[in-house]
Amino acid sequence: MKRVCFLLKVRPERLEEYRRRHEAVWPEMLDALHATGWHNYSLFLRADGLLVGYLETPDFEAARAAMAETDVNARWQAEMAPFFEELDGRPPDEGMFTLDEVFHLD
């Protein structure tokens, strides 16, 4: 499994609503994430809006491409886009800034 970490920035005025939305992620979105290879997926949110995402997957590009093919992902990304800064018109799943792993303790 490849470990993937990414960053996004949630607008400060939308932090509480963002948290609420993730307390009730749509069941069909959860099913799509599982089906397309997103495993051990977590989001961490700092008080200033920095969002850190982590997941494990055999192939991140394949997992992203498979999610992009789902109708539920298109709907979810359209609803989530207004929560984020600096996406330059891209949906959040395309605006992720991925980080290079430099150390891992197993």
N, C-alpha and C. Protein backbone atom coordinates (compact mmCIF):
# COMPACT_ATOMS: atom_id res chain seq x y z
N MET A 1 0.83 -1.19 0.00
CA MET A 1 0.00 0.00 0.00
C MET A 1 0.87 1.25 0.00
N LYS A 2 0.50 2.18 -0.80
CA LYS A 2 1.17 3.47 -0.80
C LYS A 2 0.46 4.38 0.21
N ARG A 3 1.23 5.11 1.01
CA ARG A 3 0.68 6.08 1.94
C ARG A 3 0.69 7.45 1.25
N VAL A 4 -0.42 8.14 1.32
CA VAL A 4 -0.56 9.44 0.66
C VAL A 4 -0.99 10.47 1.70
N CYS A 5 -0.33 11.61 1.69
CA CYS A 5 -0.70 12.73 2.55
C CYS A 5 -0.89 13.96 1.66
N PHE A 6 -1.94 14.72 1.92
CA PHE A 6 -2.18 15.91 1.12
C PHE A 6 -2.68 17.05 1.99
N LEU A 7 -2.56 18.26 1.45
CA LEU A 7 -2.98 19.47 2.14
C LEU A 7 -4.03 20.20 1.32
N LEU A 8 -4.96 20.82 2.01
CA LEU A 8 -5.92 21.77 1.46
C LEU A 8 -6.12 22.85 2.52
N LYS A 9 -6.79 23.93 2.16
CA LYS A 9 -7.03 25.02 3.11
C LYS A 9 -8.51 25.35 3.13
N VAL A 10 -9.15 25.11 4.28
CA VAL A 10 -10.56 25.42 4.46
C VAL A 10 -10.70 26.89 4.85
N ARG A 11 -11.67 27.55 4.28
CA ARG A 11 -11.91 28.96 4.61
C ARG A 11 -12.25 29.07 6.10
N PRO A 12 -11.61 30.00 6.82
CA PRO A 12 -11.84 30.10 8.27
C PRO A 12 -13.31 30.28 8.65
N GLU A 13 -14.05 31.01 7.85
CA GLU A 13 -15.46 31.24 8.17
C GLU A 13 -16.34 30.02 7.92
N ARG A 14 -15.78 28.95 7.32
CA ARG A 14 -16.55 27.75 7.00
C ARG A 14 -16.13 26.53 7.82
N LEU A 15 -15.24 26.73 8.80
CA LEU A 15 -14.68 25.60 9.55
C LEU A 15 -15.74 24.76 10.25
N GLU A 16 -16.65 25.39 10.97
CA GLU A 16 -17.63 24.63 11.73
C GLU A 16 -18.58 23.87 10.82
N GLU A 17 -19.00 24.50 9.73
CA GLU A 17 -19.88 23.80 8.80
C GLU A 17 -19.14 22.64 8.13
N TYR A 18 -17.87 22.83 7.81
CA TYR A 18 -17.07 21.76 7.22
C TYR A 18 -17.02 20.56 8.18
N ARG A 19 -16.78 20.84 9.45
CA ARG A 19 -16.77 19.76 10.44
C ARG A 19 -18.12 19.04 10.48
N ARG A 20 -19.21 19.81 10.49
CA ARG A 20 -20.55 19.21 10.54
C ARG A 20 -20.80 18.32 9.32
N ARG A 21 -20.40 18.80 8.14
CA ARG A 21 -20.62 18.01 6.93
C ARG A 21 -19.91 16.66 7.01
N HIS A 22 -18.77 16.62 7.66
CA HIS A 22 -18.01 15.38 7.74
C HIS A 22 -18.45 14.47 8.89
N GLU A 23 -19.37 14.95 9.69
CA GLU A 23 -20.00 14.08 10.70
C GLU A 23 -21.05 13.19 10.05
N ALA A 24 -21.49 13.56 8.86
CA ALA A 24 -22.54 12.83 8.17
C ALA A 24 -22.24 12.72 6.67
N VAL A 25 -21.08 12.15 6.35
CA VAL A 25 -20.74 11.94 4.94
C VAL A 25 -21.77 10.98 4.35
N TRP A 26 -22.19 11.28 3.13
CA TRP A 26 -23.21 10.47 2.49
C TRP A 26 -22.77 9.00 2.41
N PRO A 27 -23.65 8.07 2.75
CA PRO A 27 -23.29 6.64 2.67
C PRO A 27 -22.80 6.24 1.28
N GLU A 28 -23.40 6.79 0.23
CA GLU A 28 -22.95 6.41 -1.11
C GLU A 28 -21.56 6.96 -1.42
N MET A 29 -21.16 8.06 -0.78
CA MET A 29 -19.80 8.57 -0.93
C MET A 29 -18.82 7.64 -0.22
N LEU A 30 -19.17 7.20 0.98
CA LEU A 30 -18.33 6.26 1.71
C LEU A 30 -18.16 4.96 0.92
N ASP A 31 -19.25 4.47 0.35
CA ASP A 31 -19.19 3.25 -0.46
C ASP A 31 -18.27 3.44 -1.66
N ALA A 32 -18.37 4.59 -2.32
CA ALA A 32 -17.54 4.86 -3.49
C ALA A 32 -16.06 4.93 -3.11
N LEU A 33 -15.74 5.57 -1.99
CA LEU A 33 -14.35 5.64 -1.55
C LEU A 33 -13.80 4.24 -1.32
N HIS A 34 -14.54 3.40 -0.62
CA HIS A 34 -14.11 2.02 -0.38
C HIS A 34 -13.92 1.27 -1.70
N ALA A 35 -14.89 1.39 -2.58
CA ALA A 35 -14.88 0.64 -3.84
C ALA A 35 -13.74 1.05 -4.77
N THR A 36 -13.28 2.30 -4.66
CA THR A 36 -12.26 2.79 -5.58
C THR A 36 -10.85 2.77 -5.00
N GLY A 37 -10.69 2.17 -3.82
CA GLY A 37 -9.35 1.96 -3.30
C GLY A 37 -8.83 2.96 -2.30
N TRP A 38 -9.70 3.74 -1.68
CA TRP A 38 -9.27 4.67 -0.63
C TRP A 38 -9.41 3.95 0.71
N HIS A 39 -8.29 3.64 1.34
CA HIS A 39 -8.29 2.89 2.59
C HIS A 39 -7.64 3.71 3.70
N ASN A 40 -8.09 3.46 4.93
CA ASN A 40 -7.51 4.13 6.10
C ASN A 40 -7.45 5.65 5.88
N TYR A 41 -8.54 6.19 5.35
CA TYR A 41 -8.62 7.60 4.96
C TYR A 41 -9.01 8.45 6.15
N SER A 42 -8.21 9.47 6.45
CA SER A 42 -8.48 10.39 7.56
C SER A 42 -8.28 11.82 7.11
N LEU A 43 -9.03 12.72 7.72
CA LEU A 43 -8.85 14.16 7.54
C LEU A 43 -8.59 14.78 8.91
N PHE A 44 -7.63 15.69 8.96
CA PHE A 44 -7.28 16.40 10.19
C PHE A 44 -7.38 17.88 9.89
N LEU A 45 -8.04 18.63 10.77
CA LEU A 45 -8.28 20.05 10.54
C LEU A 45 -7.70 20.89 11.67
N ARG A 46 -6.84 21.83 11.30
CA ARG A 46 -6.24 22.74 12.27
C ARG A 46 -7.15 23.97 12.41
N ALA A 47 -7.05 24.68 13.51
CA ALA A 47 -7.93 25.81 13.82
C ALA A 47 -7.86 26.92 12.78
N ASP A 48 -6.75 27.05 12.06
CA ASP A 48 -6.63 28.09 11.04
C ASP A 48 -7.12 27.63 9.67
N GLY A 49 -7.63 26.40 9.58
CA GLY A 49 -8.18 25.89 8.33
C GLY A 49 -7.28 24.95 7.55
N LEU A 50 -6.04 24.76 8.00
CA LEU A 50 -5.19 23.80 7.31
C LEU A 50 -5.79 22.41 7.45
N LEU A 51 -6.02 21.76 6.33
CA LEU A 51 -6.59 20.43 6.30
C LEU A 51 -5.52 19.46 5.81
N VAL A 52 -5.27 18.44 6.59
CA VAL A 52 -4.32 17.39 6.23
C VAL A 52 -5.10 16.11 6.00
N GLY A 53 -4.93 15.54 4.83
CA GLY A 53 -5.58 14.28 4.52
C GLY A 53 -4.55 13.18 4.43
N TYR A 54 -4.94 11.98 4.85
CA TYR A 54 -4.07 10.81 4.78
C TYR A 54 -4.90 9.63 4.30
N LEU A 55 -4.32 8.83 3.42
CA LEU A 55 -4.97 7.61 2.99
C LEU A 55 -3.92 6.60 2.56
N GLU A 56 -4.36 5.38 2.43
CA GLU A 56 -3.52 4.31 1.91
C GLU A 56 -4.25 3.71 0.72
N THR A 57 -3.47 3.40 -0.33
CA THR A 57 -4.05 2.87 -1.54
C THR A 57 -2.98 2.16 -2.36
N PRO A 58 -3.36 1.15 -3.11
CA PRO A 58 -2.36 0.50 -3.96
C PRO A 58 -1.83 1.45 -5.05
N ASP A 59 -2.70 2.31 -5.58
CA ASP A 59 -2.32 3.20 -6.68
C ASP A 59 -3.16 4.48 -6.55
N PHE A 60 -2.53 5.56 -6.10
CA PHE A 60 -3.27 6.80 -5.84
C PHE A 60 -3.90 7.37 -7.11
N GLU A 61 -3.15 7.39 -8.21
CA GLU A 61 -3.72 7.95 -9.44
C GLU A 61 -4.91 7.13 -9.92
N ALA A 62 -4.83 5.81 -9.79
CA ALA A 62 -5.96 4.96 -10.18
C ALA A 62 -7.15 5.20 -9.25
N ALA A 63 -6.89 5.35 -7.94
CA ALA A 63 -7.97 5.61 -6.98
C ALA A 63 -8.64 6.95 -7.27
N ARG A 64 -7.84 7.97 -7.57
CA ARG A 64 -8.41 9.29 -7.92
C ARG A 64 -9.22 9.22 -9.20
N ALA A 65 -8.68 8.54 -10.20
CA ALA A 65 -9.38 8.43 -11.49
C ALA A 65 -10.70 7.67 -11.33
N ALA A 66 -10.68 6.60 -10.54
CA ALA A 66 -11.91 5.83 -10.33
C ALA A 66 -12.96 6.68 -9.62
N MET A 67 -12.55 7.46 -8.62
CA MET A 67 -13.50 8.33 -7.94
C MET A 67 -14.05 9.39 -8.89
N ALA A 68 -13.20 9.91 -9.76
CA ALA A 68 -13.63 10.95 -10.72
C ALA A 68 -14.72 10.44 -11.65
N GLU A 69 -14.79 9.13 -11.82
CA GLU A 69 -15.80 8.53 -12.70
C GLU A 69 -17.16 8.37 -12.02
N THR A 70 -17.23 8.59 -10.71
CA THR A 70 -18.50 8.37 -10.00
C THR A 70 -19.34 9.64 -9.96
N ASP A 71 -20.62 9.45 -10.06
CA ASP A 71 -21.55 10.56 -9.97
C ASP A 71 -21.54 11.18 -8.58
N VAL A 72 -21.45 10.35 -7.55
CA VAL A 72 -21.49 10.86 -6.19
C VAL A 72 -20.29 11.77 -5.92
N ASN A 73 -19.14 11.44 -6.46
CA ASN A 73 -17.97 12.28 -6.25
C ASN A 73 -18.17 13.66 -6.88
N ALA A 74 -18.71 13.71 -8.07
CA ALA A 74 -18.97 15.00 -8.73
C ALA A 74 -19.90 15.86 -7.89
N ARG A 75 -20.94 15.25 -7.33
CA ARG A 75 -21.88 15.99 -6.49
C ARG A 75 -21.21 16.45 -5.19
N TRP A 76 -20.43 15.55 -4.56
CA TRP A 76 -19.76 15.89 -3.30
C TRP A 76 -18.75 17.02 -3.52
N GLN A 77 -17.94 16.92 -4.57
CA GLN A 77 -16.93 17.94 -4.83
C GLN A 77 -17.57 19.29 -5.13
N ALA A 78 -18.68 19.30 -5.84
CA ALA A 78 -19.38 20.56 -6.12
C ALA A 78 -19.87 21.20 -4.83
N GLU A 79 -20.36 20.39 -3.90
CA GLU A 79 -20.83 20.93 -2.62
C GLU A 79 -19.68 21.39 -1.73
N MET A 80 -18.54 20.72 -1.80
CA MET A 80 -17.41 21.03 -0.92
C MET A 80 -16.53 22.17 -1.46
N ALA A 81 -16.53 22.42 -2.75
CA ALA A 81 -15.63 23.42 -3.35
C ALA A 81 -15.70 24.78 -2.66
N PRO A 82 -16.87 25.31 -2.30
CA PRO A 82 -16.90 26.63 -1.65
C PRO A 82 -16.23 26.69 -0.28
N PHE A 83 -15.92 25.55 0.31
CA PHE A 83 -15.27 25.53 1.62
C PHE A 83 -13.77 25.82 1.54
N PHE A 84 -13.19 25.72 0.34
CA PHE A 84 -11.74 25.76 0.23
C PHE A 84 -11.20 27.03 -0.41
N GLU A 85 -9.99 27.40 0.01
CA GLU A 85 -9.25 28.52 -0.57
C GLU A 85 -8.31 28.00 -1.66
N GLU A 86 -7.95 28.87 -2.56
CA GLU A 86 -6.85 28.66 -3.52
C GLU A 86 -6.99 27.42 -4.38
N LEU A 87 -8.17 27.16 -4.90
CA LEU A 87 -8.34 26.03 -5.79
C LEU A 87 -8.25 26.43 -7.26
N ASP A 88 -8.27 27.72 -7.55
CA ASP A 88 -8.16 28.21 -8.93
C ASP A 88 -9.18 27.55 -9.85
N GLY A 89 -10.41 27.40 -9.37
CA GLY A 89 -11.47 26.85 -10.19
C GLY A 89 -11.50 25.34 -10.27
N ARG A 90 -10.57 24.65 -9.64
CA ARG A 90 -10.54 23.19 -9.65
C ARG A 90 -11.35 22.65 -8.48
N PRO A 91 -11.95 21.46 -8.63
CA PRO A 91 -12.62 20.85 -7.48
C PRO A 91 -11.58 20.44 -6.43
N PRO A 92 -11.99 20.30 -5.18
CA PRO A 92 -11.04 19.97 -4.11
C PRO A 92 -10.20 18.73 -4.38
N ASP A 93 -10.81 17.69 -4.98
CA ASP A 93 -10.05 16.47 -5.22
C ASP A 93 -8.96 16.63 -6.28
N GLU A 94 -9.01 17.73 -7.04
CA GLU A 94 -7.96 18.02 -8.02
C GLU A 94 -6.99 19.07 -7.50
N GLY A 95 -7.35 19.76 -6.42
CA GLY A 95 -6.52 20.82 -5.89
C GLY A 95 -5.65 20.41 -4.72
N MET A 96 -5.62 19.11 -4.43
CA MET A 96 -4.81 18.60 -3.33
C MET A 96 -3.33 18.86 -3.60
N PHE A 97 -2.63 19.30 -2.59
CA PHE A 97 -1.18 19.42 -2.66
C PHE A 97 -0.61 18.21 -1.94
N THR A 98 -0.08 17.24 -2.68
CA THR A 98 0.43 16.04 -2.04
C THR A 98 1.85 16.26 -1.52
N LEU A 99 2.16 15.56 -0.45
CA LEU A 99 3.46 15.66 0.19
C LEU A 99 4.28 14.41 -0.06
N ASP A 100 5.60 14.57 -0.15
CA ASP A 100 6.50 13.43 -0.29
C ASP A 100 6.76 12.82 1.07
N GLU A 101 6.65 11.51 1.16
CA GLU A 101 6.98 10.83 2.40
C GLU A 101 8.49 10.73 2.52
N VAL A 102 9.02 11.18 3.65
CA VAL A 102 10.47 11.13 3.87
C VAL A 102 10.87 10.17 4.98
N PHE A 103 9.89 9.69 5.76
CA PHE A 103 10.18 8.74 6.83
C PHE A 103 8.91 8.01 7.20
N HIS A 104 9.06 6.75 7.55
CA HIS A 104 7.93 5.95 8.04
C HIS A 104 8.47 4.92 9.02
N LEU A 105 7.89 4.85 10.19
CA LEU A 105 8.22 3.84 11.18
C LEU A 105 7.10 2.83 11.18
N ASP A 106 7.39 1.62 10.81
CA ASP A 106 6.36 0.59 10.73
C ASP A 106 6.21 -0.12 12.06
